[in-house]
Amino acid sequence: MANILQGGVRDTIYKDSSGTEQKFVVTNFNEDFSFNCDVNDTLVTSDVLATLIQTLIRKGIINGTVA
């Protein structure tokens, strides 16, 4: 299981109209920095997107968890 990350100091907290805090939640994470745009493989695309979300959380740009 991967470490759980939380947003950093630059994090902006978003709330919906009812005041509920909104954040990204990524599960079943496999770090991946590359994919072929000519291949229709949603698993690879999802892993790359999860890696980007993880990087943004670590930098404190967005709020969320990765596990």
N, C-alpha and C. Protein backbone atom coordinates (compact mmCIF):
# COMPACT_ATOMS: atom_id res chain seq x y z
N MET A 1 0.84 -1.18 0.00
CA MET A 1 0.00 0.00 0.00
C MET A 1 0.89 1.24 0.00
N ALA A 2 0.52 2.22 -0.78
CA ALA A 2 1.28 3.46 -0.89
C ALA A 2 1.02 4.36 0.31
N ASN A 3 1.95 5.28 0.56
CA ASN A 3 1.76 6.26 1.62
C ASN A 3 0.59 7.17 1.28
N ILE A 4 -0.14 7.60 2.29
CA ILE A 4 -1.25 8.53 2.09
C ILE A 4 -0.69 9.94 2.18
N LEU A 5 -0.98 10.76 1.18
CA LEU A 5 -0.52 12.14 1.14
C LEU A 5 -1.68 13.07 1.46
N GLN A 6 -1.37 14.21 2.02
CA GLN A 6 -2.36 15.27 2.22
C GLN A 6 -1.79 16.52 1.59
N GLY A 7 -2.65 17.47 1.26
CA GLY A 7 -2.22 18.71 0.63
C GLY A 7 -1.21 19.47 1.47
N GLY A 8 -0.46 20.35 0.82
CA GLY A 8 0.59 21.10 1.48
C GLY A 8 0.16 22.50 1.90
N VAL A 9 1.14 23.34 2.21
CA VAL A 9 0.88 24.66 2.76
C VAL A 9 0.25 25.62 1.76
N ARG A 10 0.48 25.43 0.47
CA ARG A 10 -0.11 26.32 -0.54
C ARG A 10 -1.50 25.88 -0.93
N ASP A 11 -1.99 24.85 -0.33
CA ASP A 11 -3.25 24.23 -0.68
C ASP A 11 -4.43 25.19 -0.55
N THR A 12 -5.29 25.19 -1.55
CA THR A 12 -6.54 25.94 -1.50
C THR A 12 -7.66 24.94 -1.26
N ILE A 13 -8.45 25.16 -0.25
CA ILE A 13 -9.55 24.25 0.08
C ILE A 13 -10.80 24.69 -0.68
N TYR A 14 -11.37 23.77 -1.42
CA TYR A 14 -12.59 24.05 -2.17
C TYR A 14 -13.77 23.43 -1.44
N LYS A 15 -14.86 24.16 -1.37
CA LYS A 15 -16.08 23.66 -0.73
C LYS A 15 -17.24 23.82 -1.71
N ASP A 16 -18.15 22.85 -1.67
CA ASP A 16 -19.32 22.95 -2.53
C ASP A 16 -20.35 23.88 -1.88
N SER A 17 -21.51 24.00 -2.50
CA SER A 17 -22.52 24.95 -2.04
C SER A 17 -23.03 24.64 -0.63
N SER A 18 -22.91 23.39 -0.19
CA SER A 18 -23.35 23.04 1.16
C SER A 18 -22.23 23.19 2.20
N GLY A 19 -21.03 23.56 1.74
CA GLY A 19 -19.91 23.76 2.65
C GLY A 19 -19.04 22.53 2.85
N THR A 20 -19.33 21.46 2.11
CA THR A 20 -18.54 20.24 2.21
C THR A 20 -17.21 20.41 1.48
N GLU A 21 -16.12 20.04 2.14
CA GLU A 21 -14.79 20.17 1.56
C GLU A 21 -14.63 19.18 0.40
N GLN A 22 -14.12 19.66 -0.71
CA GLN A 22 -13.89 18.84 -1.89
C GLN A 22 -12.41 18.54 -2.03
N LYS A 23 -12.04 17.28 -2.33
CA LYS A 23 -10.65 16.93 -2.54
C LYS A 23 -10.56 15.73 -3.45
N PHE A 24 -9.39 15.57 -4.08
CA PHE A 24 -9.15 14.42 -4.92
C PHE A 24 -8.85 13.21 -4.05
N VAL A 25 -9.38 12.05 -4.42
CA VAL A 25 -9.09 10.80 -3.72
C VAL A 25 -8.68 9.79 -4.77
N VAL A 26 -7.44 9.30 -4.68
CA VAL A 26 -6.92 8.35 -5.66
C VAL A 26 -6.63 7.04 -4.93
N THR A 27 -7.14 5.92 -5.45
CA THR A 27 -6.88 4.60 -4.87
C THR A 27 -6.28 3.69 -5.94
N ASN A 28 -5.73 2.57 -5.52
CA ASN A 28 -5.08 1.60 -6.42
C ASN A 28 -4.04 2.28 -7.30
N PHE A 29 -3.19 3.06 -6.68
CA PHE A 29 -2.23 3.91 -7.36
C PHE A 29 -0.98 3.13 -7.77
N ASN A 30 -0.58 3.29 -9.03
CA ASN A 30 0.69 2.79 -9.55
C ASN A 30 1.39 3.96 -10.23
N GLU A 31 2.54 4.37 -9.69
CA GLU A 31 3.24 5.53 -10.25
C GLU A 31 3.67 5.25 -11.68
N ASP A 32 3.37 6.19 -12.58
CA ASP A 32 3.70 6.05 -14.00
C ASP A 32 3.81 7.45 -14.60
N PHE A 33 4.95 7.73 -15.22
CA PHE A 33 5.19 9.06 -15.79
C PHE A 33 5.09 9.10 -17.31
N SER A 34 4.78 7.99 -17.95
CA SER A 34 4.74 8.02 -19.42
C SER A 34 3.62 7.12 -19.95
N PHE A 35 3.07 7.54 -21.08
CA PHE A 35 2.10 6.71 -21.78
C PHE A 35 2.09 7.08 -23.25
N ASN A 36 1.63 6.16 -24.09
CA ASN A 36 1.56 6.34 -25.53
C ASN A 36 0.17 6.85 -25.88
N CYS A 37 0.09 8.04 -26.43
CA CYS A 37 -1.20 8.65 -26.76
C CYS A 37 -1.93 7.95 -27.90
N ASP A 38 -1.21 7.11 -28.66
CA ASP A 38 -1.83 6.40 -29.78
C ASP A 38 -2.48 5.09 -29.36
N VAL A 39 -2.32 4.70 -28.11
CA VAL A 39 -2.88 3.44 -27.62
C VAL A 39 -4.04 3.76 -26.69
N ASN A 40 -5.15 3.09 -26.89
CA ASN A 40 -6.33 3.31 -26.05
C ASN A 40 -6.25 2.39 -24.83
N ASP A 41 -5.52 2.82 -23.82
CA ASP A 41 -5.34 2.03 -22.60
C ASP A 41 -5.68 2.90 -21.40
N THR A 42 -6.90 2.78 -20.90
CA THR A 42 -7.34 3.66 -19.81
C THR A 42 -6.61 3.39 -18.51
N LEU A 43 -6.08 2.17 -18.31
CA LEU A 43 -5.35 1.89 -17.08
C LEU A 43 -4.05 2.69 -17.02
N VAL A 44 -3.34 2.75 -18.14
CA VAL A 44 -2.10 3.53 -18.17
C VAL A 44 -2.41 5.01 -18.02
N THR A 45 -3.43 5.49 -18.73
CA THR A 45 -3.82 6.89 -18.63
C THR A 45 -4.21 7.23 -17.19
N SER A 46 -4.93 6.35 -16.54
CA SER A 46 -5.34 6.58 -15.15
C SER A 46 -4.13 6.64 -14.23
N ASP A 47 -3.14 5.76 -14.43
CA ASP A 47 -1.93 5.78 -13.61
C ASP A 47 -1.15 7.07 -13.79
N VAL A 48 -1.06 7.55 -15.03
CA VAL A 48 -0.35 8.80 -15.29
C VAL A 48 -1.10 9.97 -14.64
N LEU A 49 -2.41 9.99 -14.74
CA LEU A 49 -3.20 11.04 -14.11
C LEU A 49 -3.04 10.99 -12.59
N ALA A 50 -3.06 9.79 -12.01
CA ALA A 50 -2.86 9.65 -10.56
C ALA A 50 -1.48 10.13 -10.14
N THR A 51 -0.46 9.87 -10.96
CA THR A 51 0.89 10.36 -10.67
C THR A 51 0.93 11.88 -10.69
N LEU A 52 0.25 12.49 -11.65
CA LEU A 52 0.18 13.96 -11.71
C LEU A 52 -0.54 14.51 -10.48
N ILE A 53 -1.64 13.90 -10.09
CA ILE A 53 -2.37 14.34 -8.90
C ILE A 53 -1.48 14.22 -7.67
N GLN A 54 -0.76 13.10 -7.54
CA GLN A 54 0.16 12.92 -6.42
C GLN A 54 1.21 14.02 -6.37
N THR A 55 1.77 14.36 -7.51
CA THR A 55 2.79 15.41 -7.58
C THR A 55 2.21 16.76 -7.16
N LEU A 56 1.00 17.09 -7.62
CA LEU A 56 0.37 18.35 -7.25
C LEU A 56 0.03 18.41 -5.77
N ILE A 57 -0.37 17.27 -5.17
CA ILE A 57 -0.63 17.23 -3.73
C ILE A 57 0.66 17.47 -2.96
N ARG A 58 1.74 16.79 -3.37
CA ARG A 58 3.03 16.96 -2.70
C ARG A 58 3.53 18.40 -2.74
N LYS A 59 3.24 19.09 -3.84
CA LYS A 59 3.65 20.50 -3.98
C LYS A 59 2.70 21.44 -3.26
N GLY A 60 1.59 20.90 -2.73
CA GLY A 60 0.64 21.72 -2.00
C GLY A 60 -0.27 22.55 -2.88
N ILE A 61 -0.38 22.18 -4.15
CA ILE A 61 -1.19 22.94 -5.09
C ILE A 61 -2.67 22.54 -5.00
N ILE A 62 -2.93 21.26 -4.78
CA ILE A 62 -4.30 20.77 -4.64
C ILE A 62 -4.42 19.98 -3.34
N ASN A 63 -5.65 19.75 -2.92
CA ASN A 63 -5.95 18.98 -1.72
C ASN A 63 -6.41 17.60 -2.14
N GLY A 64 -5.92 16.58 -1.47
CA GLY A 64 -6.37 15.24 -1.78
C GLY A 64 -5.55 14.18 -1.08
N THR A 65 -5.89 12.93 -1.36
CA THR A 65 -5.15 11.81 -0.80
C THR A 65 -4.83 10.82 -1.91
N VAL A 66 -3.71 10.15 -1.78
CA VAL A 66 -3.31 9.09 -2.69
C VAL A 66 -2.95 7.90 -1.83
N ALA A 67 -3.57 6.75 -2.10
CA ALA A 67 -3.27 5.55 -1.31
C ALA A 67 -3.16 4.35 -2.23
